[in-house]
Amino acid sequence: MTKHHVKQSPARAVTAGQPTEGPLTPEELQLSGRNHSMPFEALHDDITPVGLHYLLIHFDIPHLATDCWRLRLSGSFERCLELSLEDIKARPAVTMPVTMECAGNGRSLLKPRPLSQPWGLGAVGTAEWTGTPLAPLLDEAGLADDAVELVFTGADSGIQGGVEEPYARSLTIEEAMHPDVMLVYAMNGEPLPLQHGYPLRLLVPGWYGMASVKWLTSIEAVTTRFLGYQQAVAYHYLQGPDGPGLPVTHIRVRSLMVPPGIPDFYTRRRVVDAGPVMLHGRTWSGHGEVERLEVGIDGEWMPAHLEPPLGDYAWRRWSMVWVASPGEHVLQCRAMDTSGALQPVEQVWNYQGMGNNMAQRVEVTVR
């Protein structure tokens, strides 16, 4: 892969500048206008409508003509392949509900705030994805014995960290051969929307969204570790600007609440009437099944009811009745999964603002 270096200050190698406690910058506001969160009220739905599903676009949306588009498998394969969209659709199809979350979800709540897309907590959604499993295609191409990783490259490209390159991520052979990793071409029963990766994207269930490369054009089997920017520099848990840190992979355990009552337009603070209030929301994890959900009312934690998950990689609904008394209250929710991981109530800070699964806070006035 050819890389074109541009002049850029060392301080901008990982983020657009040092973390800050100042107001949102014009660059952050520009990013937030291009990308959008899922509104919390969409947590009512098992499956997120396409228009409400979170969206992050790193560079520009490429416009690809389906009749010209091809997926190319090259590198350390016994047989290099070139497939049209119709070739891929002719393969065995699977539909799977998967919760996808951006690794930067919750970034804007960290103090100091890392400079990048300033997500609140809504960078998530659950869709029904349709496509074909990747592993049989890799078997058909025949991975060579010296292949160590697969590099997935999209049609979008840009400059980040002083490097110009297409968006690309890699998986180890073992990770890519997982039976639930798919090449997907439909979302909620319709062709992939352009902004979500049309005509084809990778889907890596249980991982943060950066692994599910959009506008997929090539899969290359390589004999050494891939060191592209999105793999080796971005998406790491770091305490400072210098690496290497730990790579971001599976989704950390998280829960969200549908804010009860009605909102104030500007502050979004909630107003509810005194008496029984049904609290509910969704919870998920990429490290295991969620086995416990607690709701905090002014710091006192109580268990909530958990419904069955929609699928192995999809969120599950939780609910609890709160008898609301007049006054000011703070509501929270936190989940624990089968790996033993529990959502923190205080921030666990990192330099890139990744994986901030700190428990949600909802301020409520009961009248």
Protein backbone atom coordinates (compact mmCIF):
# COMPACT_ATOMS: atom_id res chain seq x y z
CA MET A 1 0.00 0.00 0.00
CA THR A 2 1.46 3.33 -1.02
CA LYS A 3 1.71 6.00 1.66
CA HIS A 4 2.11 9.70 0.90
CA HIS A 5 3.51 11.75 3.77
CA VAL A 6 2.47 15.37 4.23
CA LYS A 7 3.90 18.03 6.49
CA GLN A 8 2.27 17.98 9.87
CA SER A 9 3.43 18.86 13.37
CA PRO A 10 4.42 15.96 15.68
CA ALA A 11 1.69 16.96 18.15
CA ARG A 12 -0.92 15.99 15.56
CA ALA A 13 0.42 12.48 15.02
CA VAL A 14 -2.28 10.73 17.07
CA THR A 15 -5.00 13.35 17.58
CA ALA A 16 -5.66 16.84 16.27
CA GLY A 17 -3.94 18.32 19.33
CA GLN A 18 -3.45 17.85 23.04
CA PRO A 19 -6.50 16.96 25.17
CA THR A 20 -8.28 20.03 26.47
CA GLU A 21 -10.83 21.15 29.05
CA GLY A 22 -11.82 24.07 26.84
CA PRO A 23 -14.95 24.47 24.70
CA LEU A 24 -15.58 22.41 21.59
CA THR A 25 -13.37 23.53 18.73
CA PRO A 26 -14.63 24.48 15.24
CA GLU A 27 -13.01 21.28 13.92
CA GLU A 28 -14.91 19.13 16.43
CA LEU A 29 -18.17 20.86 15.54
CA GLN A 30 -17.47 20.25 11.86
CA LEU A 31 -16.93 16.54 12.54
CA SER A 32 -20.10 16.33 14.62
CA GLY A 33 -22.05 17.79 11.70
CA ARG A 34 -20.84 15.02 9.38
CA ASN A 35 -21.38 12.18 11.83
CA HIS A 36 -24.39 11.51 14.00
CA SER A 37 -25.45 9.67 17.13
CA MET A 38 -28.43 7.47 17.77
CA PRO A 39 -30.98 9.41 19.88
CA PHE A 40 -31.62 7.68 23.19
CA GLU A 41 -35.34 7.29 22.46
CA ALA A 42 -34.36 4.83 19.71
CA LEU A 43 -33.49 2.42 22.53
CA HIS A 44 -37.22 1.60 22.51
CA ASP A 45 -36.64 -0.43 19.34
CA ASP A 46 -35.08 -3.89 19.20
CA ILE A 47 -33.70 -3.00 15.77
CA THR A 48 -32.49 0.54 15.13
CA PRO A 49 -34.01 2.17 12.03
CA VAL A 50 -31.27 2.87 9.50
CA GLY A 51 -31.71 6.64 9.74
CA LEU A 52 -31.24 6.56 13.53
CA HIS A 53 -28.26 4.18 13.63
CA TYR A 54 -25.03 5.96 14.56
CA LEU A 55 -22.75 6.95 11.70
CA LEU A 56 -19.02 7.71 11.57
CA ILE A 57 -17.35 8.53 8.26
CA HIS A 58 -13.58 8.98 8.49
CA PHE A 59 -12.94 10.64 5.13
CA ASP A 60 -15.35 11.18 2.18
CA ILE A 61 -18.18 8.88 1.10
CA PRO A 62 -17.00 7.23 -2.12
CA HIS A 63 -19.49 6.84 -4.95
CA LEU A 64 -18.99 3.38 -6.42
CA ALA A 65 -20.77 2.12 -9.53
CA THR A 66 -22.02 -1.39 -8.79
CA ASP A 67 -21.41 -2.62 -12.34
CA CYS A 68 -17.72 -1.64 -12.10
CA TRP A 69 -17.10 -2.51 -8.45
CA ARG A 70 -15.17 -5.69 -7.65
CA LEU A 71 -13.86 -7.28 -4.46
CA ARG A 72 -10.30 -8.50 -5.00
CA LEU A 73 -8.57 -11.17 -2.93
CA SER A 74 -4.82 -11.00 -3.43
CA GLY A 75 -1.50 -11.67 -1.74
CA SER A 76 -0.67 -14.95 -0.03
CA PHE A 77 -3.56 -16.97 -1.43
CA GLU A 78 -3.28 -20.04 -3.62
CA ARG A 79 -5.84 -18.43 -5.94
CA CYS A 80 -6.44 -14.71 -6.30
CA LEU A 81 -10.14 -13.95 -6.80
CA GLU A 82 -12.17 -11.07 -8.20
CA LEU A 83 -15.85 -11.05 -7.31
CA SER A 84 -18.76 -8.85 -8.35
CA LEU A 85 -21.58 -7.98 -5.97
CA GLU A 86 -23.78 -10.54 -7.71
CA ASP A 87 -21.08 -13.19 -7.16
CA ILE A 88 -21.13 -12.43 -3.45
CA LYS A 89 -24.93 -12.38 -3.25
CA ALA A 90 -25.01 -15.80 -4.92
CA ARG A 91 -23.14 -17.30 -1.97
CA PRO A 92 -24.97 -18.67 1.12
CA ALA A 93 -26.64 -15.77 2.96
CA VAL A 94 -26.95 -15.15 6.70
CA THR A 95 -28.94 -12.45 8.53
CA MET A 96 -27.75 -11.55 12.02
CA PRO A 97 -28.70 -8.83 14.54
CA VAL A 98 -25.52 -7.11 15.69
CA THR A 99 -25.00 -4.16 18.01
CA MET A 100 -22.30 -1.89 16.61
CA GLU A 101 -20.64 0.82 18.68
CA CYS A 102 -17.97 3.36 17.84
CA ALA A 103 -14.77 2.97 19.87
CA GLY A 104 -14.90 6.71 20.61
CA ASN A 105 -18.36 6.60 22.16
CA GLY A 106 -18.29 8.76 25.30
CA ARG A 107 -15.14 10.64 24.27
CA SER A 108 -16.55 14.13 24.87
CA LEU A 109 -17.35 13.23 28.50
CA LEU A 110 -13.68 12.63 29.37
CA LYS A 111 -11.80 15.37 31.20
CA PRO A 112 -9.52 16.53 29.69
CA ARG A 113 -11.25 15.88 26.36
CA PRO A 114 -9.26 14.17 23.57
CA LEU A 115 -9.71 16.05 20.29
CA SER A 116 -11.55 14.01 17.68
CA GLN A 117 -15.19 13.24 16.89
CA PRO A 118 -16.89 14.54 20.10
CA TRP A 119 -19.27 11.70 20.82
CA GLY A 120 -21.68 11.81 23.72
CA LEU A 121 -23.08 8.33 24.45
CA GLY A 122 -25.17 7.68 21.35
CA ALA A 123 -22.57 6.25 18.97
CA VAL A 124 -24.32 2.89 18.79
CA GLY A 125 -27.10 1.03 17.01
CA THR A 126 -28.39 -2.48 16.40
CA ALA A 127 -29.17 -3.56 12.84
CA GLU A 128 -30.04 -6.78 11.08
CA TRP A 129 -27.10 -7.34 8.75
CA THR A 130 -27.33 -9.68 5.76
CA GLY A 131 -24.35 -11.10 3.95
CA THR A 132 -22.18 -14.15 3.53
CA PRO A 133 -19.63 -15.62 5.97
CA LEU A 134 -16.04 -14.73 5.14
CA ALA A 135 -14.33 -17.99 6.16
CA PRO A 136 -15.66 -20.15 3.27
CA LEU A 137 -14.45 -17.55 0.78
CA LEU A 138 -11.00 -17.60 2.35
CA ASP A 139 -11.00 -21.39 2.16
CA GLU A 140 -11.94 -21.18 -1.50
CA ALA A 141 -9.05 -18.82 -2.23
CA GLY A 142 -6.69 -21.00 -0.19
CA LEU A 143 -4.62 -19.15 2.38
CA ALA A 144 -0.91 -19.81 1.98
CA ASP A 145 1.03 -21.15 4.96
CA ASP A 146 3.01 -17.91 5.34
CA ALA A 147 -0.07 -15.64 5.63
CA VAL A 148 -0.31 -14.04 9.08
CA GLU A 149 -2.95 -11.34 8.62
CA LEU A 150 -5.65 -10.18 6.26
CA VAL A 151 -5.79 -6.49 5.33
CA PHE A 152 -9.26 -5.11 4.54
CA THR A 153 -9.18 -1.91 2.49
CA GLY A 154 -12.04 0.45 1.75
CA ALA A 155 -12.53 2.83 -1.17
CA ASP A 156 -12.35 5.91 1.07
CA SER A 157 -9.02 7.64 1.60
CA GLY A 158 -7.60 10.72 3.27
CA ILE A 159 -4.86 12.12 5.48
CA GLN A 160 -4.51 11.33 9.16
CA GLY A 161 -1.45 11.49 11.35
CA GLY A 162 0.55 12.93 8.48
CA VAL A 163 -0.09 9.89 6.27
CA GLU A 164 -2.24 9.71 3.16
CA GLU A 165 -3.74 6.27 2.65
CA PRO A 166 -7.05 4.48 2.16
CA TYR A 167 -8.92 3.38 5.26
CA ALA A 168 -7.63 -0.10 6.04
CA ARG A 169 -7.66 -2.46 9.00
CA SER A 170 -6.31 -5.96 9.52
CA LEU A 171 -7.35 -9.10 11.36
CA THR A 172 -5.22 -12.10 12.22
CA ILE A 173 -6.02 -15.25 10.27
CA GLU A 174 -7.68 -16.73 13.37
CA GLU A 175 -9.84 -13.63 13.89
CA ALA A 176 -10.87 -13.45 10.23
CA MET A 177 -11.77 -17.14 10.12
CA HIS A 178 -14.31 -16.79 12.94
CA PRO A 179 -17.59 -18.17 11.54
CA ASP A 180 -19.56 -15.01 12.40
CA VAL A 181 -17.30 -12.57 10.52
CA MET A 182 -19.21 -11.62 7.36
CA LEU A 183 -19.20 -9.64 4.16
CA VAL A 184 -22.50 -7.75 4.34
CA TYR A 185 -24.52 -6.07 1.59
CA ALA A 186 -27.86 -5.40 3.31
CA MET A 187 -28.97 -3.55 6.46
CA ASN A 188 -32.44 -4.07 7.93
CA GLY A 189 -33.53 -5.91 4.80
CA GLU A 190 -32.47 -3.20 2.33
CA PRO A 191 -29.26 -2.69 0.33
CA LEU A 192 -26.54 -1.03 2.39
CA PRO A 193 -27.10 2.72 2.41
CA LEU A 194 -24.30 4.61 0.71
CA GLN A 195 -23.16 6.14 4.00
CA HIS A 196 -23.00 2.72 5.68
CA GLY A 197 -20.65 1.16 3.15
CA TYR A 198 -22.51 0.38 -0.08
CA PRO A 199 -22.03 -1.91 -1.89
CA LEU A 200 -20.14 -4.11 0.61
CA ARG A 201 -18.65 -3.85 4.06
CA LEU A 202 -16.95 -6.13 6.51
CA LEU A 203 -18.81 -7.04 9.71
CA VAL A 204 -16.82 -8.14 12.76
CA PRO A 205 -19.45 -8.83 15.46
CA GLY A 206 -18.52 -8.01 19.03
CA TRP A 207 -15.76 -5.59 18.00
CA TYR A 208 -15.96 -1.82 17.97
CA GLY A 209 -17.06 -0.41 14.63
CA MET A 210 -13.60 0.54 13.33
CA ALA A 211 -13.00 -3.14 12.44
CA SER A 212 -16.04 -3.35 10.14
CA VAL A 213 -14.44 -1.67 7.13
CA LYS A 214 -16.93 0.11 4.83
CA TRP A 215 -16.87 0.34 1.01
CA LEU A 216 -14.71 -2.78 0.96
CA THR A 217 -12.65 -3.20 -2.22
CA SER A 218 -9.85 -5.62 -1.35
CA ILE A 219 -8.72 -8.36 1.01
CA GLU A 220 -4.98 -8.92 0.99
CA ALA A 221 -3.28 -11.83 2.74
CA VAL A 222 0.05 -10.52 4.07
CA THR A 223 3.08 -12.27 5.55
CA THR A 224 3.97 -9.57 8.10
CA ARG A 225 1.93 -7.47 10.49
CA PHE A 226 0.02 -4.63 8.87
CA LEU A 227 1.21 -1.22 10.09
CA GLY A 228 -1.28 1.15 8.45
CA TYR A 229 -2.29 4.21 10.46
CA GLN A 230 -5.76 2.97 11.46
CA GLN A 231 -4.21 -0.25 12.77
CA ALA A 232 -0.87 0.70 14.29
CA VAL A 233 -1.44 4.27 15.50
CA ALA A 234 -5.17 4.99 15.84
CA TYR A 235 -7.46 2.89 18.02
CA HIS A 236 -5.16 2.23 20.96
CA TYR A 237 -5.56 2.63 24.69
CA LEU A 238 -2.78 5.09 25.57
CA GLN A 239 -1.96 7.34 28.50
CA GLY A 240 0.03 9.81 26.39
CA PRO A 241 0.87 10.67 22.78
CA ASP A 242 3.48 7.92 22.43
CA GLY A 243 2.62 4.28 21.83
CA PRO A 244 2.34 1.49 21.47
CA GLY A 245 -0.43 1.04 24.04
CA LEU A 246 -3.04 -1.70 23.81
CA PRO A 247 -5.07 -2.13 20.61
CA VAL A 248 -8.82 -1.53 20.74
CA THR A 249 -10.74 -4.71 19.86
CA HIS A 250 -13.92 -6.01 21.54
CA ILE A 251 -16.69 -3.76 22.86
CA ARG A 252 -16.52 -3.03 26.58
CA VAL A 253 -19.62 -3.75 28.64
CA ARG A 254 -22.10 -0.87 28.50
CA SER A 255 -25.71 0.03 29.26
CA LEU A 256 -27.90 2.97 28.35
CA MET A 257 -31.21 4.26 29.68
CA VAL A 258 -34.07 5.85 27.81
CA PRO A 259 -34.25 9.18 29.68
CA PRO A 260 -37.66 9.23 31.41
CA GLY A 261 -40.26 11.97 31.18
CA ILE A 262 -39.86 14.98 28.92
CA PRO A 263 -36.75 17.08 28.17
CA ASP A 264 -35.88 20.71 28.50
CA PHE A 265 -35.03 21.75 24.95
CA TYR A 266 -31.62 23.29 25.64
CA THR A 267 -30.22 21.32 28.60
CA ARG A 268 -32.03 18.00 27.90
CA ARG A 269 -32.63 17.74 31.66
CA ARG A 270 -35.62 15.50 32.29
CA VAL A 271 -38.90 16.36 34.02
CA VAL A 272 -41.22 13.63 35.32
CA ASP A 273 -44.28 13.45 37.54
CA ALA A 274 -44.05 11.89 40.99
CA GLY A 275 -45.10 8.26 41.31
CA PRO A 276 -44.22 5.01 39.53
CA VAL A 277 -41.93 5.53 36.52
CA MET A 278 -40.86 2.69 34.22
CA LEU A 279 -37.14 2.93 33.60
CA HIS A 280 -35.73 0.88 30.74
CA GLY A 281 -32.93 0.70 28.24
CA ARG A 282 -30.42 -1.64 26.57
CA THR A 283 -27.17 -3.31 27.55
CA TRP A 284 -24.46 -5.15 25.60
CA SER A 285 -20.86 -6.35 25.67
CA GLY A 286 -18.34 -7.82 23.25
CA HIS A 287 -16.58 -9.76 26.01
CA GLY A 288 -19.45 -11.98 27.12
CA GLU A 289 -23.15 -11.99 27.85
CA VAL A 290 -24.47 -9.32 30.20
CA GLU A 291 -25.55 -11.13 33.36
CA ARG A 292 -26.47 -8.25 35.67
CA LEU A 293 -27.91 -4.76 35.31
CA GLU A 294 -28.21 -2.28 38.16
CA VAL A 295 -29.94 1.08 38.30
CA GLY A 296 -28.58 3.79 40.56
CA ILE A 297 -30.97 6.28 42.15
CA ASP A 298 -28.92 9.02 43.80
CA GLY A 299 -26.06 6.56 44.32
CA GLU A 300 -28.15 3.66 45.67
CA TRP A 301 -27.95 0.65 43.31
CA MET A 302 -30.84 -1.75 42.70
CA PRO A 303 -31.16 -4.75 40.35
CA ALA A 304 -33.19 -4.44 37.14
CA HIS A 305 -34.94 -7.10 35.08
CA LEU A 306 -33.04 -8.39 32.04
CA GLU A 307 -34.82 -9.76 28.98
CA PRO A 308 -33.20 -12.31 26.63
CA PRO A 309 -30.74 -10.86 24.09
CA LEU A 310 -31.78 -10.55 20.45
CA GLY A 311 -28.76 -12.62 19.44
CA ASP A 312 -25.21 -13.54 20.40
CA TYR A 313 -23.94 -10.08 19.41
CA ALA A 314 -26.99 -7.92 20.05
CA TRP A 315 -28.13 -5.87 22.99
CA ARG A 316 -30.76 -6.95 25.52
CA ARG A 317 -33.52 -4.91 27.09
CA TRP A 318 -33.66 -4.12 30.79
CA SER A 319 -36.38 -2.50 32.92
CA MET A 320 -37.18 -1.40 36.45
CA VAL A 321 -39.99 0.54 38.16
CA TRP A 322 -38.85 3.62 40.05
CA VAL A 323 -41.22 5.25 42.55
CA ALA A 324 -40.17 8.85 41.94
CA SER A 325 -40.38 11.33 44.83
CA PRO A 326 -40.48 15.10 44.28
CA GLY A 327 -37.10 16.79 44.02
CA GLU A 328 -33.83 16.56 42.08
CA HIS A 329 -32.40 13.13 41.31
CA VAL A 330 -29.53 11.51 39.41
CA LEU A 331 -30.22 8.21 37.64
CA GLN A 332 -27.54 5.83 36.41
CA CYS A 333 -27.29 2.32 35.04
CA ARG A 334 -24.39 -0.10 34.94
CA ALA A 335 -23.93 -3.63 33.64
CA MET A 336 -21.70 -6.61 34.38
CA ASP A 337 -20.87 -9.31 31.84
CA THR A 338 -19.79 -12.93 32.17
CA SER A 339 -16.12 -11.94 31.96
CA GLY A 340 -16.58 -10.18 35.31
CA ALA A 341 -16.23 -6.69 33.82
CA LEU A 342 -18.39 -4.02 35.50
CA GLN A 343 -19.08 -0.58 34.08
CA PRO A 344 -17.18 2.07 36.06
CA VAL A 345 -18.98 5.05 37.56
CA GLU A 346 -15.87 7.25 37.21
CA GLN A 347 -13.92 7.88 34.03
CA VAL A 348 -11.02 5.64 33.04
CA TRP A 349 -9.12 8.21 30.99
CA ASN A 350 -7.02 7.50 27.92
CA TYR A 351 -5.30 9.75 25.40
CA GLN A 352 -7.36 8.87 22.32
CA GLY A 353 -10.68 8.76 24.15
CA MET A 354 -11.38 5.11 23.38
CA GLY A 355 -13.77 2.69 25.07
CA ASN A 356 -15.13 5.15 27.66
CA ASN A 357 -17.88 2.98 29.13
CA MET A 358 -18.43 5.11 32.23
CA ALA A 359 -21.99 4.75 33.52
CA GLN A 360 -24.55 7.15 32.02
CA ARG A 361 -25.92 9.94 34.24
CA VAL A 362 -29.46 11.24 33.78
CA GLU A 363 -30.46 14.29 35.81
CA VAL A 364 -34.19 14.37 36.60
CA THR A 365 -36.54 16.87 38.20
CA VAL A 366 -39.58 15.17 39.75
CA ARG A 367 -42.58 17.47 40.18
